N, C-alpha and C. Protein backbone atom coordinates (compact mmCIF):
# COMPACT_ATOMS: atom_id res chain seq x y z
N MET A 1 77.95 81.49 87.08
CA MET A 1 77.56 82.55 87.72
C MET A 1 78.16 83.90 88.07
N LEU A 2 77.60 84.93 87.92
CA LEU A 2 78.20 86.07 88.12
C LEU A 2 79.29 86.84 90.09
N GLU A 3 80.38 86.57 89.61
CA GLU A 3 80.94 87.36 91.38
C GLU A 3 80.19 88.35 91.58
N ASN A 4 80.02 88.35 93.05
CA ASN A 4 79.60 89.09 93.33
C ASN A 4 80.71 90.36 93.57
N VAL A 5 80.51 91.47 94.41
CA VAL A 5 81.79 92.96 94.89
C VAL A 5 81.57 92.81 96.00
N PHE A 6 82.12 93.24 96.77
CA PHE A 6 82.20 93.52 98.25
C PHE A 6 82.78 95.08 98.04
N ILE A 7 82.63 96.15 98.54
CA ILE A 7 83.57 97.45 97.95
C ILE A 7 83.13 98.23 98.95
N ASP A 8 84.18 98.57 99.69
CA ASP A 8 83.79 99.94 101.48
C ASP A 8 83.54 101.30 100.96
N SER A 9 82.45 101.63 101.15
CA SER A 9 82.22 102.86 100.96
C SER A 9 83.32 104.19 100.69
N PRO A 10 83.79 104.69 99.57
CA PRO A 10 85.10 105.82 99.75
C PRO A 10 85.01 107.24 100.40
N LEU A 11 83.86 107.47 101.21
CA LEU A 11 83.60 107.80 101.94
C LEU A 11 82.43 107.66 102.82
N PHE A 12 82.38 108.65 104.01
CA PHE A 12 81.02 108.78 105.04
C PHE A 12 79.95 109.98 104.88
N GLY A 13 79.35 109.44 104.67
CA GLY A 13 77.70 110.27 105.20
C GLY A 13 76.16 109.46 104.73
N THR A 14 75.31 109.52 104.06
CA THR A 14 74.07 109.11 104.79
C THR A 14 73.77 108.82 103.04
N PRO A 15 73.87 107.19 103.35
CA PRO A 15 73.44 106.50 101.88
C PRO A 15 72.14 106.86 101.26
N ILE A 16 71.85 107.10 100.23
CA ILE A 16 70.42 106.76 99.49
C ILE A 16 70.60 105.99 97.98
N PRO A 17 69.58 105.71 97.81
CA PRO A 17 69.64 105.05 96.66
C PRO A 17 69.77 105.85 95.30
N LEU A 18 70.85 105.68 94.22
CA LEU A 18 70.65 106.31 93.05
C LEU A 18 69.17 106.76 92.60
N ALA A 19 68.42 106.29 92.82
CA ALA A 19 67.39 106.71 91.93
C ALA A 19 66.46 107.37 92.51
N ASP A 20 66.96 108.60 93.66
CA ASP A 20 66.89 109.22 94.03
C ASP A 20 67.38 110.77 94.12
N VAL A 21 68.67 110.09 93.40
CA VAL A 21 69.45 111.41 93.34
C VAL A 21 68.79 112.80 91.91
N ASP A 22 69.29 113.41 92.02
CA ASP A 22 69.16 115.16 91.68
C ASP A 22 69.37 114.91 90.04
N ASP A 23 69.63 114.49 89.51
CA ASP A 23 70.52 113.89 87.86
C ASP A 23 70.27 112.77 87.25
N GLU A 24 69.31 112.64 85.68
CA GLU A 24 69.23 111.90 85.61
C GLU A 24 70.42 111.00 84.81
N ILE A 25 71.47 111.18 84.49
CA ILE A 25 72.80 110.20 84.11
C ILE A 25 72.62 108.97 85.48
N PHE A 26 72.93 109.23 86.82
CA PHE A 26 72.61 108.24 87.86
C PHE A 26 71.46 107.86 88.13
N SER A 27 70.65 108.90 88.07
CA SER A 27 69.48 108.20 88.69
C SER A 27 68.69 107.32 87.52
N GLY A 28 68.67 107.20 86.86
CA GLY A 28 68.54 106.41 85.29
C GLY A 28 69.43 105.03 85.25
N GLY A 29 70.92 105.83 85.57
CA GLY A 29 71.23 103.78 85.60
C GLY A 29 72.69 104.26 84.57
N ALA A 30 71.99 105.00 83.91
CA ALA A 30 72.79 105.22 82.38
C ALA A 30 74.42 104.95 83.11
N ALA A 31 74.87 105.73 84.28
CA ALA A 31 76.38 105.45 84.35
C ALA A 31 76.85 104.93 85.12
N GLY A 32 75.92 104.18 85.91
CA GLY A 32 76.18 102.07 85.87
C GLY A 32 75.18 102.71 86.99
N LYS A 33 75.82 101.38 88.17
CA LYS A 33 74.91 100.58 89.41
C LYS A 33 75.89 100.98 90.50
N GLY A 34 75.27 101.73 91.57
CA GLY A 34 75.58 102.20 92.89
C GLY A 34 75.09 102.73 93.56
N VAL A 35 75.25 103.69 94.66
CA VAL A 35 74.40 104.11 95.39
C VAL A 35 75.48 105.75 95.72
N ALA A 36 74.56 106.98 96.49
CA ALA A 36 75.17 107.84 96.66
C ALA A 36 75.09 108.51 97.91
N ILE A 37 76.41 109.30 97.80
CA ILE A 37 76.24 109.58 99.40
C ILE A 37 76.09 111.08 99.91
N LYS A 38 74.66 111.45 101.14
CA LYS A 38 74.27 112.51 100.93
C LYS A 38 75.14 113.10 101.92
N ASN A 39 75.75 114.31 101.99
CA ASN A 39 75.77 115.30 103.62
C ASN A 39 77.20 114.43 103.74
N PRO A 40 78.41 114.24 102.40
CA PRO A 40 79.58 113.22 102.67
C PRO A 40 80.36 114.49 103.27
N ASP A 41 80.90 113.54 104.16
CA ASP A 41 82.35 114.58 104.98
C ASP A 41 83.38 115.10 104.62
N GLY A 42 83.59 115.30 103.05
CA GLY A 42 84.45 116.12 102.56
C GLY A 42 85.91 114.78 102.26
N LYS A 43 86.55 113.52 102.45
CA LYS A 43 87.46 113.04 102.12
C LYS A 43 87.18 111.69 101.50
N ILE A 44 87.51 111.72 100.29
CA ILE A 44 87.36 110.36 99.64
C ILE A 44 88.95 109.54 100.21
N ILE A 45 88.15 107.87 100.49
CA ILE A 45 89.13 107.32 100.03
C ILE A 45 88.78 106.61 99.86
N ALA A 46 90.35 105.32 99.37
CA ALA A 46 90.33 103.95 98.59
C ALA A 46 89.17 103.12 98.80
N PRO A 47 88.48 102.35 98.27
CA PRO A 47 87.97 101.59 98.66
C PRO A 47 88.23 100.27 98.83
N PHE A 48 89.47 99.85 97.64
CA PHE A 48 90.29 98.67 97.39
C PHE A 48 91.85 99.18 97.09
N GLY A 49 92.29 98.41 96.62
CA GLY A 49 93.78 98.37 96.33
C GLY A 49 93.84 98.57 94.72
N GLY A 50 94.21 99.40 94.03
CA GLY A 50 94.03 99.32 92.11
C GLY A 50 94.85 100.20 91.88
N LYS A 51 94.58 101.18 90.60
CA LYS A 51 94.79 102.10 90.30
C LYS A 51 93.81 103.78 89.65
N VAL A 52 94.79 104.76 89.65
CA VAL A 52 93.35 105.73 89.07
C VAL A 52 93.34 106.08 88.16
N ALA A 53 92.19 105.63 87.35
CA ALA A 53 92.12 105.66 85.84
C ALA A 53 92.25 106.83 85.35
N PHE A 54 91.67 107.84 86.41
CA PHE A 54 91.42 109.06 86.18
C PHE A 54 91.11 109.96 86.89
N ILE A 55 91.13 111.69 86.82
CA ILE A 55 91.09 112.51 87.30
C ILE A 55 90.60 113.77 86.48
N ALA A 56 88.59 114.18 87.11
CA ALA A 56 88.86 115.10 85.93
C ALA A 56 88.62 116.17 87.28
N GLU A 57 88.36 117.34 86.67
CA GLU A 57 88.18 118.53 87.19
C GLU A 57 86.96 118.72 87.10
N PRO A 58 85.98 119.36 87.60
CA PRO A 58 85.96 119.11 89.75
C PRO A 58 85.66 118.08 89.83
N GLY A 59 86.32 117.65 90.97
CA GLY A 59 85.98 116.17 91.79
C GLY A 59 85.34 114.79 91.02
N VAL A 60 86.15 114.43 89.97
CA VAL A 60 85.63 113.27 89.12
C VAL A 60 86.67 112.32 89.27
N VAL A 61 86.31 111.57 89.92
CA VAL A 61 87.98 110.33 89.98
C VAL A 61 87.10 109.23 89.75
N GLY A 62 88.16 108.25 88.84
CA GLY A 62 88.03 107.08 88.26
C GLY A 62 88.90 105.63 88.77
N LEU A 63 88.65 104.82 89.22
CA LEU A 63 89.22 104.23 90.26
C LEU A 63 89.06 102.99 89.03
N LYS A 64 90.30 101.99 88.97
CA LYS A 64 90.19 100.67 88.66
C LYS A 64 90.71 99.45 89.64
N SER A 65 89.89 98.96 90.48
CA SER A 65 90.08 97.57 91.18
C SER A 65 91.49 96.58 90.37
N PHE A 66 92.07 95.61 91.38
CA PHE A 66 93.06 95.07 90.53
C PHE A 66 92.09 93.90 90.60
N GLY A 67 90.74 93.75 91.39
CA GLY A 67 90.47 93.10 91.21
C GLY A 67 89.05 92.76 89.58
N GLY A 68 89.21 94.47 89.03
CA GLY A 68 88.34 94.48 88.00
C GLY A 68 87.87 95.70 88.15
N VAL A 69 87.32 96.15 89.42
CA VAL A 69 85.81 96.35 89.15
C VAL A 69 86.34 98.14 88.75
N ASP A 70 85.29 98.31 88.20
CA ASP A 70 85.60 100.12 87.21
C ASP A 70 84.55 101.00 88.11
N LEU A 71 85.05 101.92 89.44
CA LEU A 71 84.58 102.58 90.32
C LEU A 71 84.17 103.77 89.90
N LEU A 72 83.43 105.18 89.82
CA LEU A 72 83.56 106.48 89.53
C LEU A 72 82.83 107.13 90.54
N ILE A 73 83.66 107.85 91.19
CA ILE A 73 83.12 108.57 92.24
C ILE A 73 82.93 110.47 91.48
N HIS A 74 81.66 110.90 91.96
CA HIS A 74 81.70 112.11 91.07
C HIS A 74 80.96 113.26 92.30
N VAL A 75 82.15 113.32 92.80
CA VAL A 75 81.16 114.81 93.71
C VAL A 75 80.91 115.89 93.78
N GLY A 76 79.41 115.46 94.63
CA GLY A 76 78.55 116.64 93.84
C GLY A 76 77.68 116.61 92.77
N LEU A 77 76.41 116.86 92.73
CA LEU A 77 76.01 117.17 91.39
C LEU A 77 75.96 118.17 90.72
N LYS A 78 76.16 117.94 89.34
CA LYS A 78 76.50 118.87 88.43
C LYS A 78 77.45 119.93 88.59
N THR A 79 78.26 119.59 89.38
CA THR A 79 79.88 120.73 89.82
C THR A 79 80.38 120.87 88.26
N CYS A 80 79.95 120.38 87.33
CA CYS A 80 80.87 120.88 86.38
C CYS A 80 81.30 122.09 85.99
N LYS A 81 80.36 123.34 86.66
CA LYS A 81 80.54 125.19 86.52
C LYS A 81 81.22 125.22 87.75
N LEU A 82 81.37 124.15 88.51
CA LEU A 82 81.39 124.46 90.36
C LEU A 82 83.46 125.06 89.93
N VAL A 83 83.83 125.93 90.39
CA VAL A 83 85.02 126.32 89.89
C VAL A 83 85.36 127.07 91.43
N GLY A 84 86.81 126.90 91.61
CA GLY A 84 87.10 127.43 92.80
C GLY A 84 88.21 126.59 93.87
N GLU A 85 88.54 126.57 94.58
CA GLU A 85 89.33 125.92 95.50
C GLU A 85 88.66 124.54 96.30
N SER A 86 87.87 124.27 95.83
CA SER A 86 86.94 123.40 97.00
C SER A 86 87.77 121.92 96.42
N PHE A 87 88.29 121.05 96.16
CA PHE A 87 89.05 120.03 95.57
C PHE A 87 90.61 119.66 95.53
N HIS A 88 90.64 118.99 96.51
CA HIS A 88 92.39 119.15 96.43
C HIS A 88 92.40 117.56 96.64
N PRO A 89 93.43 116.99 94.74
CA PRO A 89 93.22 115.78 94.78
C PRO A 89 95.04 115.72 95.40
N GLN A 90 94.81 114.54 96.16
CA GLN A 90 95.95 114.23 96.20
C GLN A 90 96.50 112.88 95.83
N VAL A 91 96.38 112.43 94.36
CA VAL A 91 96.51 111.69 93.89
C VAL A 91 96.43 112.29 92.28
N ALA A 92 97.08 111.08 91.06
CA ALA A 92 97.46 111.66 89.90
C ALA A 92 96.57 110.50 89.30
N ALA A 93 96.29 110.35 87.75
CA ALA A 93 96.00 109.62 86.81
C ALA A 93 97.18 109.11 86.38
N GLY A 94 96.72 107.13 86.79
CA GLY A 94 98.17 106.61 87.03
C GLY A 94 98.46 105.31 88.18
N ASP A 95 98.47 106.00 89.54
CA ASP A 95 98.71 106.25 90.43
C ASP A 95 98.45 104.35 90.66
N VAL A 96 99.32 104.24 91.69
CA VAL A 96 98.85 102.65 92.04
C VAL A 96 98.15 103.19 93.71
N ILE A 97 97.38 102.95 94.13
CA ILE A 97 96.21 103.23 95.36
C ILE A 97 96.08 102.04 96.28
N THR A 98 96.67 102.18 97.50
CA THR A 98 95.76 101.11 98.22
C THR A 98 94.88 101.55 99.14
N ARG A 99 93.57 100.38 99.48
CA ARG A 99 93.17 100.27 100.11
C ARG A 99 92.69 101.47 101.75
N GLY A 100 92.25 102.43 101.57
CA GLY A 100 92.32 103.44 103.22
C GLY A 100 92.77 104.95 102.49
N GLN A 101 94.13 104.83 101.38
CA GLN A 101 94.18 105.47 100.82
C GLN A 101 93.41 107.20 100.64
N VAL A 102 93.83 108.14 101.48
CA VAL A 102 93.07 109.48 100.76
C VAL A 102 93.49 109.79 99.48
N LEU A 103 92.47 109.54 98.57
CA LEU A 103 92.56 110.38 97.05
C LEU A 103 92.48 111.28 97.34
N LEU A 104 91.66 111.97 97.72
CA LEU A 104 91.05 113.69 97.11
C LEU A 104 90.05 114.21 98.38
N THR A 105 90.32 115.80 98.62
CA THR A 105 89.79 116.26 99.75
C THR A 105 88.72 117.26 99.07
N PHE A 106 87.88 117.28 100.14
CA PHE A 106 86.76 118.56 99.55
C PHE A 106 85.81 119.16 100.15
N ASP A 107 85.43 120.14 99.94
CA ASP A 107 84.74 121.32 100.89
C ASP A 107 83.27 121.37 100.85
N PRO A 108 82.09 120.00 101.64
CA PRO A 108 80.81 120.20 100.86
C PRO A 108 80.12 121.28 101.30
N LEU A 109 80.67 122.55 102.73
CA LEU A 109 80.29 123.25 103.26
C LEU A 109 80.10 124.57 101.77
N GLU A 110 81.35 124.34 101.52
CA GLU A 110 81.28 125.47 99.56
C GLU A 110 80.80 125.23 98.87
N MET A 111 80.46 123.93 98.29
CA MET A 111 79.93 123.63 97.74
C MET A 111 78.61 124.09 97.91
N THR A 112 77.59 123.55 99.17
CA THR A 112 76.77 124.51 98.93
C THR A 112 76.33 125.75 99.23
N TRP A 113 76.75 126.28 99.90
CA TRP A 113 77.28 127.81 99.48
C TRP A 113 77.00 128.34 98.49
N ALA A 114 77.76 127.82 97.64
CA ALA A 114 77.95 128.49 95.81
C ALA A 114 76.91 127.76 95.50
N GLY A 115 75.69 126.74 95.96
CA GLY A 115 74.36 126.34 95.53
C GLY A 115 74.06 125.12 94.81
N PHE A 116 75.30 124.43 94.72
CA PHE A 116 75.93 122.98 94.55
C PHE A 116 74.81 122.19 95.45
N ASP A 117 74.39 120.92 94.86
CA ASP A 117 74.10 119.74 95.89
C ASP A 117 75.68 119.00 95.85
N ALA A 118 76.08 118.41 97.37
CA ALA A 118 77.30 117.96 97.55
C ALA A 118 76.80 116.26 97.66
N THR A 119 75.69 116.22 97.17
CA THR A 119 75.59 114.26 97.27
C THR A 119 76.58 113.60 96.43
N THR A 120 77.39 112.92 96.32
CA THR A 120 78.23 111.84 96.00
C THR A 120 77.58 110.94 95.07
N PRO A 121 77.56 110.98 93.98
CA PRO A 121 77.00 108.64 93.36
C PRO A 121 78.53 108.58 93.48
N VAL A 122 78.59 107.11 93.95
CA VAL A 122 79.41 106.25 93.56
C VAL A 122 79.24 105.14 92.69
N VAL A 123 79.80 104.91 91.93
CA VAL A 123 79.19 104.11 90.56
C VAL A 123 80.20 102.78 90.21
N VAL A 124 79.91 101.87 90.21
CA VAL A 124 80.80 100.81 89.57
C VAL A 124 79.74 100.97 87.99
N THR A 125 81.00 101.00 86.88
CA THR A 125 80.69 101.84 85.99
C THR A 125 80.44 100.06 84.70
N ASN A 126 81.02 99.10 85.53
CA ASN A 126 80.97 97.31 84.62
C ASN A 126 80.16 96.48 85.85
N PRO A 127 78.78 97.32 85.94
CA PRO A 127 77.99 96.34 86.58
C PRO A 127 77.91 94.92 85.69
N GLU A 128 78.16 94.66 84.79
CA GLU A 128 77.56 93.99 83.98
C GLU A 128 78.78 92.95 84.05
N ASN A 129 79.96 92.90 84.67
CA ASN A 129 80.59 91.69 84.92
C ASN A 129 80.81 91.36 86.41
N PHE A 130 79.65 91.67 87.54
CA PHE A 130 79.16 91.63 88.48
C PHE A 130 78.49 91.35 88.72
N GLY A 131 77.22 90.08 89.85
CA GLY A 131 76.86 89.64 90.89
C GLY A 131 76.10 90.97 90.95
N ASP A 132 76.15 90.63 92.94
CA ASP A 132 75.46 91.78 93.13
C ASP A 132 76.59 92.80 93.86
N ILE A 133 76.32 93.85 93.80
CA ILE A 133 77.13 94.70 94.22
C ILE A 133 77.18 95.03 95.61
N VAL A 134 77.82 94.88 96.36
CA VAL A 134 77.59 95.90 98.18
C VAL A 134 78.36 96.82 98.51
N PHE A 135 77.84 97.77 98.89
CA PHE A 135 79.02 98.98 99.37
C PHE A 135 78.26 98.96 101.08
N LYS A 136 80.47 98.67 101.71
CA LYS A 136 79.86 98.27 103.40
C LYS A 136 80.43 99.90 103.43
N LEU A 137 79.75 100.30 104.50
CA LEU A 137 79.40 102.17 105.36
C LEU A 137 79.42 101.92 106.70
N GLY A 138 80.92 101.96 107.52
CA GLY A 138 80.52 101.60 108.74
C GLY A 138 79.97 100.40 108.74
N GLY A 139 79.14 100.28 109.70
CA GLY A 139 78.15 99.00 110.04
C GLY A 139 77.36 98.49 109.49
N GLN A 140 77.04 99.43 107.79
CA GLN A 140 76.07 99.21 107.58
C GLN A 140 76.68 99.04 105.61
N LYS A 141 75.60 97.89 105.62
CA LYS A 141 76.08 97.07 104.25
C LYS A 141 74.78 97.83 103.17
N ILE A 142 75.30 97.80 102.53
CA ILE A 142 74.34 98.88 101.13
C ILE A 142 74.13 97.39 100.29
N PHE A 143 73.33 97.02 99.56
CA PHE A 143 73.06 95.74 98.52
C PHE A 143 72.52 96.79 97.64
N VAL A 144 73.49 96.10 96.84
CA VAL A 144 72.70 97.41 94.88
C VAL A 144 72.67 95.64 93.78
N GLN A 145 71.46 95.25 93.50
CA GLN A 145 71.36 94.23 93.21
C GLN A 145 71.53 94.24 91.93
N HIS A 146 71.15 93.56 90.52
CA HIS A 146 72.08 93.23 89.48
C HIS A 146 70.59 94.23 88.62
N GLU A 147 69.72 93.64 89.00
CA GLU A 147 68.22 94.08 88.62
C GLU A 147 68.51 95.79 89.27
N ILE A 148 69.01 96.54 89.83
CA ILE A 148 68.84 98.04 90.19
C ILE A 148 67.93 98.39 91.59
N PHE A 149 68.22 96.78 92.43
CA PHE A 149 67.43 96.83 93.99
C PHE A 149 68.08 97.68 94.60
N PHE A 150 67.53 98.61 96.03
CA PHE A 150 68.45 99.66 96.52
C PHE A 150 67.45 98.35 97.93
N PHE A 151 68.74 97.70 98.96
CA PHE A 151 68.28 96.88 99.49
C PHE A 151 68.94 97.46 101.17
N THR A 152 68.56 96.99 102.21
CA THR A 152 68.39 97.29 103.63
C THR A 152 69.57 95.71 104.24
N LEU A 153 69.72 95.47 104.88
CA LEU A 153 70.78 94.80 104.74
C LEU A 153 69.42 93.18 105.59
N LYS A 154 68.39 93.53 106.56
CA LYS A 154 67.38 92.90 106.92
C LYS A 154 66.42 92.05 105.50
N LYS A 155 66.30 93.11 104.31
CA LYS A 155 65.51 92.65 103.13
C LYS A 155 66.25 91.98 102.23
N PHE A 156 67.80 92.81 102.47
CA PHE A 156 68.57 91.70 101.23
C PHE A 156 68.31 90.14 101.64
N LEU A 157 68.94 90.03 103.06
CA LEU A 157 69.29 88.50 103.51
C LEU A 157 67.78 87.93 103.29
N CYS A 158 66.89 88.70 103.70
CA CYS A 158 65.35 87.63 103.47
C CYS A 158 65.53 87.82 102.14
N TYR A 159 65.25 88.22 101.56
CA TYR A 159 65.46 87.88 99.71
C TYR A 159 65.43 87.17 99.37
N ASN A 160 67.38 87.19 99.77
CA ASN A 160 68.41 86.26 99.14
C ASN A 160 68.21 84.78 99.69
N LEU A 161 67.94 84.45 101.07
CA LEU A 161 67.55 82.87 101.77
C LEU A 161 66.79 82.47 101.00
N ARG A 162 65.66 83.04 100.43
CA ARG A 162 64.54 82.74 99.80
C ARG A 162 64.87 82.07 98.24
N ARG A 163 65.40 82.47 97.75
CA ARG A 163 66.95 82.42 96.76
C ARG A 163 67.52 81.04 96.99
N GLY A 164 68.28 81.04 98.23
CA GLY A 164 68.91 79.91 98.57
C GLY A 164 70.39 80.58 98.19
N VAL A 165 71.06 81.87 98.09
CA VAL A 165 71.74 82.43 97.83
C VAL A 165 72.33 82.20 99.47
N ASP A 166 74.28 81.85 99.85
CA ASP A 166 74.83 82.43 101.52
C ASP A 166 76.08 82.89 100.13
N TYR A 167 76.04 84.36 101.33
CA TYR A 167 77.48 85.38 100.97
C TYR A 167 78.37 84.75 102.90
N GLY A 168 78.03 83.80 103.25
CA GLY A 168 78.99 83.70 104.00
C GLY A 168 78.83 85.21 105.20
N THR A 169 80.52 85.21 105.26
CA THR A 169 80.77 86.37 106.16
C THR A 169 81.77 87.41 105.85
N PHE A 170 81.23 88.82 105.57
CA PHE A 170 82.53 89.82 105.02
C PHE A 170 82.31 90.67 105.69
């Protein structure tokens, strides 16, 4: 049985299913499994200890946890054409990171004014190595099933209790 993975959200905002994202790469699951954050607060923080795999302009960050999770954070949708001073990286590729460390700041209002959607997909790009993927955002837990379902905490617990899964406390 594959190990479940628990990840702190790397930014604050309103979580939405990847299927609701207006970008076929993310909504179709081609990039991996995860969640998107609508109305982000403008700060990406390290959700775990690990390394910065890459930083691509503008606002694309790849992380690798010490536990083997490959995480892609893509600030905004279709922002490849966005130029300007919206993004301020605080780390570089190869840097070792600690949970809670600021990795990148950005201005979501500037993105919106420029005509871009600031919704930020956060995707585990190697989901085949894990069972369920759980993102924690504030007091909320967003469960991404291996089968690409998006659950609220209540639905998730009911579903898994019927299957006999015990996650304990986290």
